[in-house]
Amino acid sequence: MYVGRFVVVGPTVGAYRVSSRSFPNRAAIKREDTITVGPTPDAPETDNPYIAYNCVQLTDQGAVVGNGSHVDPIAEKLALGYPARDALAEPLLALDFEKDDYDTPRIAGIVGLNDDSTTTETPAGYIGTVRRDGLVVEEVHEPTLVATYERNTPEPFDLTASTASDAARELYDHEFEHTVCAAGVEVTDDGFETAVVNDGN
């Protein structure tokens, strides 16, 4: 099954995978507080605005994962102290679904919340998507998936990984079709750890 790009969010671990039929020549690159998806050196030139972006952005309030340019404003709002739900919902609503040939949804999540915006005492994350037909933002207490196609409503996902590297690997190896690269993030005592898996590693 081809579900396109997807995120899995839990309270303390999350991951993102690029799956693509049109632009497979991409890789995930770790930077200081960011993981960026971008074209590999051998990728054909394109003016598509949706193929390069930060897919993980770390803040003191939580780690944001997602499939496009909305990741940065979500992280900015979270760092400014916005409640997690609002930090996620406002940029998704403002930027809306991608204006490509498929009306691709934007998907995102927040892992490792360091605020009091959850509705229960137990650890929580948030996951959201904006599609042509609406906006969905949900608090999650167990690993939850949302994808750009086919699985574009949040649903439980059997993520067994508890570390960033294992989460990235688990999503990269998942049976969904057309794997390109994956990124993972986990909460640690010192903040966050991140990891990437690209073709050949």
N, C-alpha and C. Protein backbone atom coordinates (compact mmCIF):
# COMPACT_ATOMS: atom_id res chain seq x y z
N MET A 1 0.85 -1.19 0.00
CA MET A 1 0.00 0.00 0.00
C MET A 1 0.88 1.24 0.00
N TYR A 2 0.49 2.25 -0.79
CA TYR A 2 1.21 3.51 -0.84
C TYR A 2 0.42 4.55 -0.06
N VAL A 3 1.02 5.06 1.03
CA VAL A 3 0.34 6.06 1.85
C VAL A 3 1.04 7.41 1.79
N GLY A 4 2.10 7.52 0.99
CA GLY A 4 2.85 8.76 0.92
C GLY A 4 3.67 8.99 2.17
N ARG A 5 3.87 10.25 2.52
CA ARG A 5 4.63 10.59 3.72
C ARG A 5 3.77 10.31 4.95
N PHE A 6 4.43 9.93 6.06
CA PHE A 6 3.65 9.70 7.28
C PHE A 6 4.47 9.97 8.53
N VAL A 7 3.74 10.33 9.59
CA VAL A 7 4.34 10.53 10.90
C VAL A 7 3.71 9.54 11.87
N VAL A 8 4.51 9.15 12.86
CA VAL A 8 4.01 8.39 14.00
C VAL A 8 4.44 9.15 15.25
N VAL A 9 3.48 9.45 16.10
CA VAL A 9 3.73 10.26 17.29
C VAL A 9 3.29 9.51 18.53
N GLY A 10 4.17 9.45 19.52
CA GLY A 10 3.83 8.96 20.84
C GLY A 10 4.25 10.00 21.86
N PRO A 11 3.99 9.76 23.12
CA PRO A 11 4.38 10.75 24.12
C PRO A 11 5.89 11.00 24.19
N THR A 12 6.71 9.94 24.01
CA THR A 12 8.15 10.09 24.22
C THR A 12 9.00 9.68 23.02
N VAL A 13 8.40 9.21 21.96
CA VAL A 13 9.14 8.85 20.76
C VAL A 13 8.26 9.13 19.54
N GLY A 14 8.90 9.57 18.46
CA GLY A 14 8.16 9.83 17.23
C GLY A 14 9.06 9.60 16.04
N ALA A 15 8.45 9.55 14.87
CA ALA A 15 9.23 9.32 13.66
C ALA A 15 8.46 9.84 12.45
N TYR A 16 9.20 10.04 11.37
CA TYR A 16 8.64 10.53 10.12
C TYR A 16 9.31 9.79 8.98
N ARG A 17 8.50 9.44 7.96
CA ARG A 17 9.09 8.79 6.79
C ARG A 17 8.63 9.46 5.51
N VAL A 18 9.58 9.66 4.64
CA VAL A 18 9.29 10.10 3.28
C VAL A 18 9.09 8.85 2.43
N SER A 19 7.93 8.75 1.82
CA SER A 19 7.66 7.74 0.81
C SER A 19 7.25 8.51 -0.43
N SER A 20 7.85 8.23 -1.56
CA SER A 20 7.57 9.04 -2.73
C SER A 20 7.75 8.26 -4.01
N ARG A 21 6.79 8.41 -4.92
CA ARG A 21 6.91 7.85 -6.26
C ARG A 21 7.53 8.86 -7.21
N SER A 22 7.32 10.16 -6.96
CA SER A 22 7.73 11.20 -7.90
C SER A 22 9.12 11.75 -7.64
N PHE A 23 9.52 11.82 -6.34
CA PHE A 23 10.80 12.43 -5.99
C PHE A 23 11.56 11.53 -5.01
N PRO A 24 12.07 10.39 -5.49
CA PRO A 24 12.75 9.46 -4.59
C PRO A 24 14.18 9.85 -4.23
N ASN A 25 14.78 10.75 -4.98
CA ASN A 25 16.19 11.10 -4.76
C ASN A 25 16.32 12.17 -3.67
N ARG A 26 16.01 11.75 -2.44
CA ARG A 26 16.09 12.66 -1.30
C ARG A 26 16.71 11.93 -0.11
N ALA A 27 17.19 12.72 0.84
CA ALA A 27 17.80 12.16 2.05
C ALA A 27 17.44 13.04 3.24
N ALA A 28 17.51 12.43 4.43
CA ALA A 28 17.31 13.15 5.68
C ALA A 28 18.68 13.46 6.27
N ILE A 29 18.90 14.71 6.63
CA ILE A 29 20.22 15.17 7.11
C ILE A 29 20.06 15.75 8.50
N LYS A 30 20.84 15.22 9.46
CA LYS A 30 20.83 15.74 10.84
C LYS A 30 21.62 17.03 10.91
N ARG A 31 21.03 18.03 11.57
CA ARG A 31 21.72 19.26 11.90
C ARG A 31 21.62 19.43 13.41
N GLU A 32 21.99 20.57 13.94
CA GLU A 32 22.07 20.71 15.40
C GLU A 32 20.75 20.41 16.11
N ASP A 33 19.70 21.15 15.80
CA ASP A 33 18.39 20.94 16.42
C ASP A 33 17.33 20.62 15.38
N THR A 34 17.76 20.14 14.23
CA THR A 34 16.86 20.00 13.09
C THR A 34 17.25 18.78 12.27
N ILE A 35 16.27 18.17 11.65
CA ILE A 35 16.52 17.20 10.58
C ILE A 35 15.85 17.75 9.33
N THR A 36 16.62 17.82 8.26
CA THR A 36 16.14 18.40 7.01
C THR A 36 16.04 17.32 5.94
N VAL A 37 14.94 17.34 5.20
CA VAL A 37 14.78 16.50 4.02
C VAL A 37 15.12 17.34 2.80
N GLY A 38 15.97 16.82 1.94
CA GLY A 38 16.33 17.56 0.74
C GLY A 38 16.82 16.64 -0.35
N PRO A 39 16.99 17.17 -1.56
CA PRO A 39 17.43 16.35 -2.69
C PRO A 39 18.86 15.88 -2.53
N THR A 40 19.14 14.69 -3.02
CA THR A 40 20.50 14.17 -3.06
C THR A 40 21.25 14.83 -4.22
N PRO A 41 22.59 14.76 -4.22
CA PRO A 41 23.35 15.41 -5.30
C PRO A 41 22.96 14.93 -6.71
N ASP A 42 22.49 13.69 -6.82
CA ASP A 42 22.14 13.18 -8.14
C ASP A 42 20.68 13.41 -8.53
N ALA A 43 19.94 14.16 -7.70
CA ALA A 43 18.52 14.39 -7.98
C ALA A 43 18.36 15.32 -9.17
N PRO A 44 17.37 15.06 -10.01
CA PRO A 44 17.09 15.99 -11.12
C PRO A 44 16.64 17.34 -10.57
N GLU A 45 16.93 18.39 -11.30
CA GLU A 45 16.48 19.71 -10.88
C GLU A 45 14.96 19.80 -10.95
N THR A 46 14.39 20.52 -9.98
CA THR A 46 12.94 20.71 -9.95
C THR A 46 12.62 22.02 -9.26
N ASP A 47 11.50 22.62 -9.62
CA ASP A 47 11.06 23.82 -8.93
C ASP A 47 9.92 23.50 -7.96
N ASN A 48 9.71 22.22 -7.66
CA ASN A 48 8.66 21.83 -6.73
C ASN A 48 8.99 22.37 -5.34
N PRO A 49 8.09 23.16 -4.74
CA PRO A 49 8.40 23.77 -3.44
C PRO A 49 8.22 22.84 -2.26
N TYR A 50 7.76 21.60 -2.50
CA TYR A 50 7.39 20.72 -1.40
C TYR A 50 8.39 19.59 -1.14
N ILE A 51 9.52 19.58 -1.80
CA ILE A 51 10.42 18.43 -1.64
C ILE A 51 11.55 18.66 -0.64
N ALA A 52 11.77 19.90 -0.21
CA ALA A 52 12.84 20.19 0.75
C ALA A 52 12.25 20.99 1.91
N TYR A 53 12.54 20.56 3.14
CA TYR A 53 11.96 21.19 4.32
C TYR A 53 12.58 20.57 5.57
N ASN A 54 12.37 21.22 6.71
CA ASN A 54 12.74 20.63 7.98
C ASN A 54 11.62 19.67 8.41
N CYS A 55 11.98 18.42 8.68
CA CYS A 55 10.97 17.44 9.08
C CYS A 55 10.98 17.19 10.59
N VAL A 56 12.04 17.59 11.27
CA VAL A 56 12.10 17.55 12.74
C VAL A 56 12.72 18.85 13.21
N GLN A 57 12.09 19.47 14.19
CA GLN A 57 12.60 20.70 14.78
C GLN A 57 12.47 20.58 16.30
N LEU A 58 13.60 20.71 17.01
CA LEU A 58 13.61 20.56 18.46
C LEU A 58 13.44 21.91 19.14
N THR A 59 12.64 21.94 20.22
CA THR A 59 12.50 23.12 21.05
C THR A 59 12.56 22.67 22.51
N ASP A 60 12.68 23.62 23.43
CA ASP A 60 12.67 23.28 24.84
C ASP A 60 11.31 22.77 25.29
N GLN A 61 10.28 23.04 24.50
CA GLN A 61 8.91 22.64 24.86
C GLN A 61 8.46 21.33 24.21
N GLY A 62 9.23 20.82 23.27
CA GLY A 62 8.86 19.59 22.59
C GLY A 62 9.52 19.50 21.23
N ALA A 63 9.43 18.34 20.61
CA ALA A 63 9.98 18.11 19.28
C ALA A 63 8.84 18.05 18.27
N VAL A 64 8.97 18.81 17.20
CA VAL A 64 7.95 18.86 16.16
C VAL A 64 8.41 17.99 14.99
N VAL A 65 7.52 17.16 14.47
CA VAL A 65 7.79 16.36 13.28
C VAL A 65 6.70 16.64 12.26
N GLY A 66 7.06 16.61 10.97
CA GLY A 66 6.05 16.87 9.97
C GLY A 66 6.60 16.82 8.56
N ASN A 67 5.73 17.07 7.59
CA ASN A 67 6.06 16.83 6.19
C ASN A 67 6.22 18.08 5.34
N GLY A 68 6.55 19.22 5.98
CA GLY A 68 6.70 20.40 5.13
C GLY A 68 7.07 21.66 5.89
N SER A 69 6.87 22.80 5.22
CA SER A 69 7.30 24.09 5.74
C SER A 69 6.54 24.51 6.99
N HIS A 70 5.46 23.84 7.33
CA HIS A 70 4.71 24.16 8.54
C HIS A 70 5.44 23.76 9.81
N VAL A 71 6.44 22.87 9.70
CA VAL A 71 7.18 22.42 10.89
C VAL A 71 7.82 23.60 11.62
N ASP A 72 8.41 24.53 10.88
CA ASP A 72 9.10 25.66 11.51
C ASP A 72 8.16 26.57 12.29
N PRO A 73 7.03 27.02 11.71
CA PRO A 73 6.15 27.88 12.51
C PRO A 73 5.50 27.16 13.69
N ILE A 74 5.27 25.85 13.57
CA ILE A 74 4.76 25.10 14.72
C ILE A 74 5.79 25.14 15.84
N ALA A 75 7.06 24.90 15.49
CA ALA A 75 8.12 24.93 16.49
C ALA A 75 8.28 26.31 17.10
N GLU A 76 8.16 27.36 16.29
CA GLU A 76 8.28 28.72 16.80
C GLU A 76 7.18 29.02 17.82
N LYS A 77 5.96 28.64 17.50
CA LYS A 77 4.85 28.89 18.43
C LYS A 77 5.01 28.07 19.71
N LEU A 78 5.44 26.84 19.57
CA LEU A 78 5.65 26.00 20.75
C LEU A 78 6.72 26.62 21.64
N ALA A 79 7.82 27.09 21.04
CA ALA A 79 8.90 27.71 21.81
C ALA A 79 8.46 29.00 22.48
N LEU A 80 7.49 29.68 21.90
CA LEU A 80 6.97 30.92 22.48
C LEU A 80 5.99 30.67 23.62
N GLY A 81 5.65 29.41 23.86
CA GLY A 81 4.77 29.09 24.97
C GLY A 81 3.32 28.85 24.60
N TYR A 82 3.01 28.78 23.30
CA TYR A 82 1.65 28.45 22.90
C TYR A 82 1.29 27.06 23.43
N PRO A 83 0.06 26.82 23.86
CA PRO A 83 -0.35 25.46 24.16
C PRO A 83 -0.13 24.57 22.94
N ALA A 84 0.23 23.31 23.17
CA ALA A 84 0.59 22.41 22.08
C ALA A 84 -0.49 22.33 21.01
N ARG A 85 -1.73 22.23 21.41
CA ARG A 85 -2.82 22.11 20.44
C ARG A 85 -2.86 23.33 19.52
N ASP A 86 -2.71 24.53 20.10
CA ASP A 86 -2.76 25.75 19.31
C ASP A 86 -1.52 25.90 18.43
N ALA A 87 -0.36 25.54 18.99
CA ALA A 87 0.88 25.63 18.21
C ALA A 87 0.82 24.74 16.98
N LEU A 88 0.14 23.62 17.09
CA LEU A 88 -0.02 22.69 15.97
C LEU A 88 -1.11 23.16 15.02
N ALA A 89 -2.25 23.56 15.57
CA ALA A 89 -3.41 23.85 14.74
C ALA A 89 -3.27 25.14 13.93
N GLU A 90 -2.72 26.18 14.53
CA GLU A 90 -2.71 27.48 13.85
C GLU A 90 -1.88 27.48 12.56
N PRO A 91 -0.64 26.97 12.56
CA PRO A 91 0.10 26.93 11.29
C PRO A 91 -0.51 25.98 10.26
N LEU A 92 -1.05 24.84 10.72
CA LEU A 92 -1.70 23.94 9.77
C LEU A 92 -2.87 24.64 9.09
N LEU A 93 -3.67 25.33 9.87
CA LEU A 93 -4.82 26.04 9.31
C LEU A 93 -4.39 27.18 8.40
N ALA A 94 -3.35 27.91 8.82
CA ALA A 94 -2.89 29.06 8.03
C ALA A 94 -2.29 28.64 6.69
N LEU A 95 -1.48 27.58 6.69
CA LEU A 95 -0.81 27.14 5.47
C LEU A 95 -1.68 26.23 4.61
N ASP A 96 -2.61 25.52 5.26
CA ASP A 96 -3.59 24.68 4.57
C ASP A 96 -2.89 23.53 3.83
N PHE A 97 -3.68 22.70 3.14
CA PHE A 97 -3.11 21.58 2.41
C PHE A 97 -2.22 22.08 1.29
N GLU A 98 -1.32 21.21 0.81
CA GLU A 98 -0.40 21.61 -0.24
C GLU A 98 -1.15 21.80 -1.56
N LYS A 99 -0.80 22.84 -2.27
CA LYS A 99 -1.49 23.16 -3.53
C LYS A 99 -0.78 22.48 -4.70
N ASP A 100 -0.72 21.14 -4.62
CA ASP A 100 -0.14 20.35 -5.71
C ASP A 100 -1.25 19.63 -6.46
N ASP A 101 -0.88 18.72 -7.34
CA ASP A 101 -1.89 18.03 -8.15
C ASP A 101 -2.77 17.10 -7.33
N TYR A 102 -2.36 16.78 -6.08
CA TYR A 102 -3.09 15.80 -5.26
C TYR A 102 -3.74 16.43 -4.04
N ASP A 103 -3.65 17.74 -3.89
CA ASP A 103 -4.13 18.40 -2.67
C ASP A 103 -3.59 17.67 -1.44
N THR A 104 -2.28 17.44 -1.43
CA THR A 104 -1.64 16.65 -0.39
C THR A 104 -1.85 17.28 0.99
N PRO A 105 -2.33 16.51 1.95
CA PRO A 105 -2.47 17.05 3.31
C PRO A 105 -1.13 17.39 3.93
N ARG A 106 -1.15 18.32 4.84
CA ARG A 106 -0.01 18.57 5.72
C ARG A 106 -0.24 17.76 6.99
N ILE A 107 0.83 17.12 7.48
CA ILE A 107 0.75 16.29 8.67
C ILE A 107 1.85 16.72 9.63
N ALA A 108 1.58 16.60 10.93
CA ALA A 108 2.58 17.02 11.91
C ALA A 108 2.24 16.45 13.28
N GLY A 109 3.23 16.46 14.15
CA GLY A 109 3.01 16.03 15.53
C GLY A 109 4.02 16.66 16.46
N ILE A 110 3.72 16.57 17.75
CA ILE A 110 4.61 17.07 18.79
C ILE A 110 4.88 15.94 19.78
N VAL A 111 6.16 15.69 20.04
CA VAL A 111 6.63 14.63 20.92
C VAL A 111 7.34 15.26 22.12
N GLY A 112 7.19 14.66 23.30
CA GLY A 112 7.95 15.10 24.46
C GLY A 112 7.52 16.45 24.98
N LEU A 113 6.22 16.65 25.13
CA LEU A 113 5.71 17.93 25.58
C LEU A 113 6.26 18.31 26.95
N ASN A 114 6.69 19.56 27.06
CA ASN A 114 7.18 20.08 28.33
C ASN A 114 6.30 21.28 28.71
N ASP A 115 4.99 21.03 28.80
CA ASP A 115 4.07 22.08 29.23
C ASP A 115 2.86 21.42 29.90
N ASP A 116 1.88 22.21 30.24
CA ASP A 116 0.71 21.68 30.94
C ASP A 116 -0.54 21.69 30.06
N SER A 117 -0.34 21.57 28.74
CA SER A 117 -1.47 21.69 27.83
C SER A 117 -2.19 20.38 27.57
N THR A 118 -1.72 19.27 28.16
CA THR A 118 -2.43 18.01 27.98
C THR A 118 -3.59 17.94 28.95
N THR A 119 -4.52 17.07 28.64
CA THR A 119 -5.75 17.01 29.43
C THR A 119 -5.68 15.98 30.55
N THR A 120 -4.60 15.22 30.63
CA THR A 120 -4.47 14.22 31.69
C THR A 120 -3.08 14.31 32.30
N GLU A 121 -2.89 13.58 33.39
CA GLU A 121 -1.60 13.56 34.08
C GLU A 121 -0.57 12.71 33.34
N THR A 122 -1.03 11.77 32.50
CA THR A 122 -0.12 10.86 31.82
C THR A 122 0.57 11.56 30.66
N PRO A 123 1.79 11.10 30.28
CA PRO A 123 2.49 11.74 29.16
C PRO A 123 1.64 11.73 27.90
N ALA A 124 1.75 12.78 27.12
CA ALA A 124 0.96 12.89 25.91
C ALA A 124 1.76 13.57 24.81
N GLY A 125 1.34 13.31 23.59
CA GLY A 125 1.82 14.04 22.44
C GLY A 125 0.62 14.59 21.70
N TYR A 126 0.86 15.24 20.59
CA TYR A 126 -0.22 15.73 19.74
C TYR A 126 0.09 15.37 18.30
N ILE A 127 -0.98 15.11 17.55
CA ILE A 127 -0.84 14.81 16.13
C ILE A 127 -1.93 15.57 15.38
N GLY A 128 -1.62 15.98 14.15
CA GLY A 128 -2.62 16.74 13.40
C GLY A 128 -2.41 16.64 11.91
N THR A 129 -3.46 16.99 11.20
CA THR A 129 -3.41 17.05 9.74
C THR A 129 -4.41 18.09 9.26
N VAL A 130 -4.06 18.74 8.15
CA VAL A 130 -5.03 19.58 7.47
C VAL A 130 -5.18 19.05 6.05
N ARG A 131 -6.43 18.72 5.70
CA ARG A 131 -6.77 18.19 4.38
C ARG A 131 -7.72 19.16 3.69
N ARG A 132 -8.03 18.87 2.46
CA ARG A 132 -8.99 19.71 1.75
C ARG A 132 -10.32 19.79 2.50
N ASP A 133 -10.69 18.70 3.19
CA ASP A 133 -12.00 18.65 3.85
C ASP A 133 -11.97 18.99 5.33
N GLY A 134 -10.83 19.45 5.86
CA GLY A 134 -10.86 19.85 7.26
C GLY A 134 -9.54 19.73 7.98
N LEU A 135 -9.58 20.14 9.24
CA LEU A 135 -8.44 20.14 10.14
C LEU A 135 -8.73 19.19 11.30
N VAL A 136 -7.75 18.32 11.62
CA VAL A 136 -7.88 17.40 12.76
C VAL A 136 -6.64 17.54 13.62
N VAL A 137 -6.83 17.78 14.92
CA VAL A 137 -5.73 17.81 15.89
C VAL A 137 -6.16 17.00 17.09
N GLU A 138 -5.34 16.02 17.49
CA GLU A 138 -5.70 15.13 18.58
C GLU A 138 -4.56 14.98 19.57
N GLU A 139 -4.91 14.89 20.85
CA GLU A 139 -3.96 14.51 21.88
C GLU A 139 -3.80 13.00 21.82
N VAL A 140 -2.57 12.49 21.95
CA VAL A 140 -2.33 11.05 21.87
C VAL A 140 -1.52 10.58 23.07
N HIS A 141 -1.83 9.38 23.52
CA HIS A 141 -1.11 8.76 24.64
C HIS A 141 -0.44 7.46 24.24
N GLU A 142 -0.70 7.00 23.04
CA GLU A 142 -0.07 5.81 22.47
C GLU A 142 0.37 6.16 21.05
N PRO A 143 1.34 5.43 20.49
CA PRO A 143 1.78 5.74 19.13
C PRO A 143 0.61 5.82 18.15
N THR A 144 0.58 6.91 17.40
CA THR A 144 -0.52 7.21 16.49
C THR A 144 0.05 7.65 15.15
N LEU A 145 -0.54 7.17 14.08
CA LEU A 145 -0.08 7.45 12.72
C LEU A 145 -1.06 8.35 12.00
N VAL A 146 -0.52 9.24 11.17
CA VAL A 146 -1.31 9.90 10.15
C VAL A 146 -0.43 10.04 8.91
N ALA A 147 -1.03 9.78 7.74
CA ALA A 147 -0.30 9.81 6.47
C ALA A 147 -0.97 10.79 5.52
N THR A 148 -0.28 11.08 4.43
CA THR A 148 -0.84 12.02 3.47
C THR A 148 -1.93 11.38 2.60
N TYR A 149 -1.82 10.07 2.35
CA TYR A 149 -2.82 9.38 1.53
C TYR A 149 -3.28 8.11 2.24
N GLU A 150 -4.50 7.69 1.93
CA GLU A 150 -5.08 6.44 2.43
C GLU A 150 -5.30 6.43 3.94
N ARG A 151 -4.29 6.77 4.72
CA ARG A 151 -4.40 6.78 6.19
C ARG A 151 -4.33 8.23 6.69
N ASN A 152 -5.19 9.08 6.15
CA ASN A 152 -5.06 10.51 6.44
C ASN A 152 -5.93 10.99 7.59
N THR A 153 -6.37 10.06 8.44
CA THR A 153 -7.00 10.36 9.72
C THR A 153 -6.18 9.65 10.79
N PRO A 154 -5.86 10.31 11.90
CA PRO A 154 -5.03 9.67 12.93
C PRO A 154 -5.60 8.33 13.38
N GLU A 155 -4.71 7.33 13.51
CA GLU A 155 -5.11 6.00 13.92
C GLU A 155 -3.98 5.35 14.71
N PRO A 156 -4.30 4.40 15.59
CA PRO A 156 -3.25 3.72 16.36
C PRO A 156 -2.24 3.04 15.45
N PHE A 157 -0.99 3.00 15.90
CA PHE A 157 0.08 2.36 15.14
C PHE A 157 0.95 1.57 16.09
N ASP A 158 1.27 0.35 15.72
CA ASP A 158 2.02 -0.55 16.60
C ASP A 158 3.51 -0.28 16.49
N LEU A 159 3.95 0.84 17.04
CA LEU A 159 5.38 1.19 17.05
C LEU A 159 6.01 0.51 18.26
N THR A 160 6.99 -0.36 18.01
CA THR A 160 7.65 -1.06 19.11
C THR A 160 8.91 -0.35 19.58
N ALA A 161 9.43 0.56 18.78
CA ALA A 161 10.69 1.25 19.09
C ALA A 161 10.52 2.19 20.27
N SER A 162 11.60 2.33 21.05
CA SER A 162 11.61 3.28 22.15
C SER A 162 12.76 4.28 22.02
N THR A 163 13.57 4.14 20.98
CA THR A 163 14.67 5.07 20.75
C THR A 163 14.51 5.72 19.37
N ALA A 164 15.20 6.84 19.19
CA ALA A 164 15.13 7.55 17.91
C ALA A 164 15.63 6.70 16.77
N SER A 165 16.77 6.03 16.98
CA SER A 165 17.34 5.23 15.89
C SER A 165 16.44 4.05 15.54
N ASP A 166 15.87 3.40 16.57
CA ASP A 166 14.99 2.26 16.29
C ASP A 166 13.69 2.72 15.63
N ALA A 167 13.19 3.89 16.03
CA ALA A 167 11.95 4.39 15.43
C ALA A 167 12.16 4.74 13.97
N ALA A 168 13.29 5.40 13.66
CA ALA A 168 13.58 5.72 12.26
C ALA A 168 13.71 4.45 11.43
N ARG A 169 14.41 3.46 11.98
CA ARG A 169 14.59 2.20 11.27
C ARG A 169 13.26 1.47 11.08
N GLU A 170 12.43 1.46 12.12
CA GLU A 170 11.15 0.75 12.04
C GLU A 170 10.26 1.35 10.97
N LEU A 171 10.21 2.68 10.88
CA LEU A 171 9.40 3.30 9.84
C LEU A 171 10.02 3.08 8.46
N TYR A 172 11.34 3.19 8.38
CA TYR A 172 12.01 2.98 7.09
C TYR A 172 11.71 1.58 6.55
N ASP A 173 11.72 0.59 7.44
CA ASP A 173 11.52 -0.80 7.02
C ASP A 173 10.05 -1.21 6.91
N HIS A 174 9.14 -0.32 7.24
CA HIS A 174 7.72 -0.68 7.23
C HIS A 174 7.27 -1.06 5.83
N GLU A 175 6.24 -1.88 5.76
CA GLU A 175 5.79 -2.44 4.48
C GLU A 175 5.15 -1.41 3.55
N PHE A 176 4.78 -0.24 4.02
CA PHE A 176 4.26 0.76 3.10
C PHE A 176 5.27 1.00 1.98
N GLU A 177 4.76 1.26 0.79
CA GLU A 177 5.59 1.26 -0.41
C GLU A 177 6.37 2.56 -0.63
N HIS A 178 7.43 2.45 -1.44
CA HIS A 178 8.23 3.57 -1.96
C HIS A 178 8.97 4.34 -0.87
N THR A 179 9.67 3.60 -0.02
CA THR A 179 10.48 4.21 1.03
C THR A 179 11.59 5.08 0.43
N VAL A 180 11.81 6.25 1.02
CA VAL A 180 12.90 7.13 0.61
C VAL A 180 13.88 7.35 1.77
N CYS A 181 13.39 7.85 2.90
CA CYS A 181 14.23 8.08 4.07
C CYS A 181 13.33 8.21 5.29
N ALA A 182 13.96 8.21 6.47
CA ALA A 182 13.18 8.31 7.71
C ALA A 182 13.97 9.05 8.76
N ALA A 183 13.25 9.63 9.72
CA ALA A 183 13.85 10.33 10.84
C ALA A 183 13.14 9.91 12.12
N GLY A 184 13.89 9.88 13.22
CA GLY A 184 13.31 9.53 14.50
C GLY A 184 13.73 10.52 15.58
N VAL A 185 12.93 10.63 16.63
CA VAL A 185 13.24 11.49 17.77
C VAL A 185 12.75 10.82 19.04
N GLU A 186 13.53 10.95 20.11
CA GLU A 186 13.14 10.40 21.41
C GLU A 186 13.44 11.40 22.50
N VAL A 187 12.65 11.32 23.57
CA VAL A 187 12.89 12.13 24.75
C VAL A 187 13.96 11.45 25.61
N THR A 188 14.94 12.22 26.07
CA THR A 188 15.97 11.70 26.96
C THR A 188 16.03 12.57 28.21
N ASP A 189 16.83 12.17 29.18
CA ASP A 189 17.00 12.96 30.39
C ASP A 189 17.62 14.32 30.10
N ASP A 190 18.36 14.41 28.99
CA ASP A 190 19.05 15.66 28.64
C ASP A 190 18.35 16.45 27.55
N GLY A 191 17.17 16.02 27.13
CA GLY A 191 16.46 16.71 26.06
C GLY A 191 15.95 15.74 25.03
N PHE A 192 16.58 15.71 23.85
CA PHE A 192 16.15 14.85 22.76
C PHE A 192 17.34 14.22 22.05
N GLU A 193 17.11 13.04 21.52
CA GLU A 193 18.04 12.41 20.59
C GLU A 193 17.33 12.27 19.26
N THR A 194 18.06 12.42 18.17
CA THR A 194 17.49 12.24 16.84
C THR A 194 18.32 11.24 16.04
N ALA A 195 17.71 10.71 15.01
CA ALA A 195 18.40 9.75 14.14
C ALA A 195 17.78 9.79 12.76
N VAL A 196 18.55 9.37 11.75
CA VAL A 196 18.06 9.30 10.40
C VAL A 196 18.43 7.96 9.78
N VAL A 197 17.64 7.53 8.83
CA VAL A 197 17.96 6.36 8.02
C VAL A 197 17.74 6.76 6.55
N ASN A 198 18.78 6.59 5.76
CA ASN A 198 18.71 6.86 4.34
C ASN A 198 19.04 5.59 3.56
N ASP A 199 18.80 5.63 2.27
CA ASP A 199 19.12 4.49 1.42
C ASP A 199 20.59 4.12 1.58
N GLY A 200 20.84 2.86 1.92
CA GLY A 200 22.22 2.40 2.05
C GLY A 200 22.78 2.43 3.45
N ASN A 201 21.95 2.87 4.45
CA ASN A 201 22.47 2.81 5.83
C ASN A 201 21.43 2.28 6.80
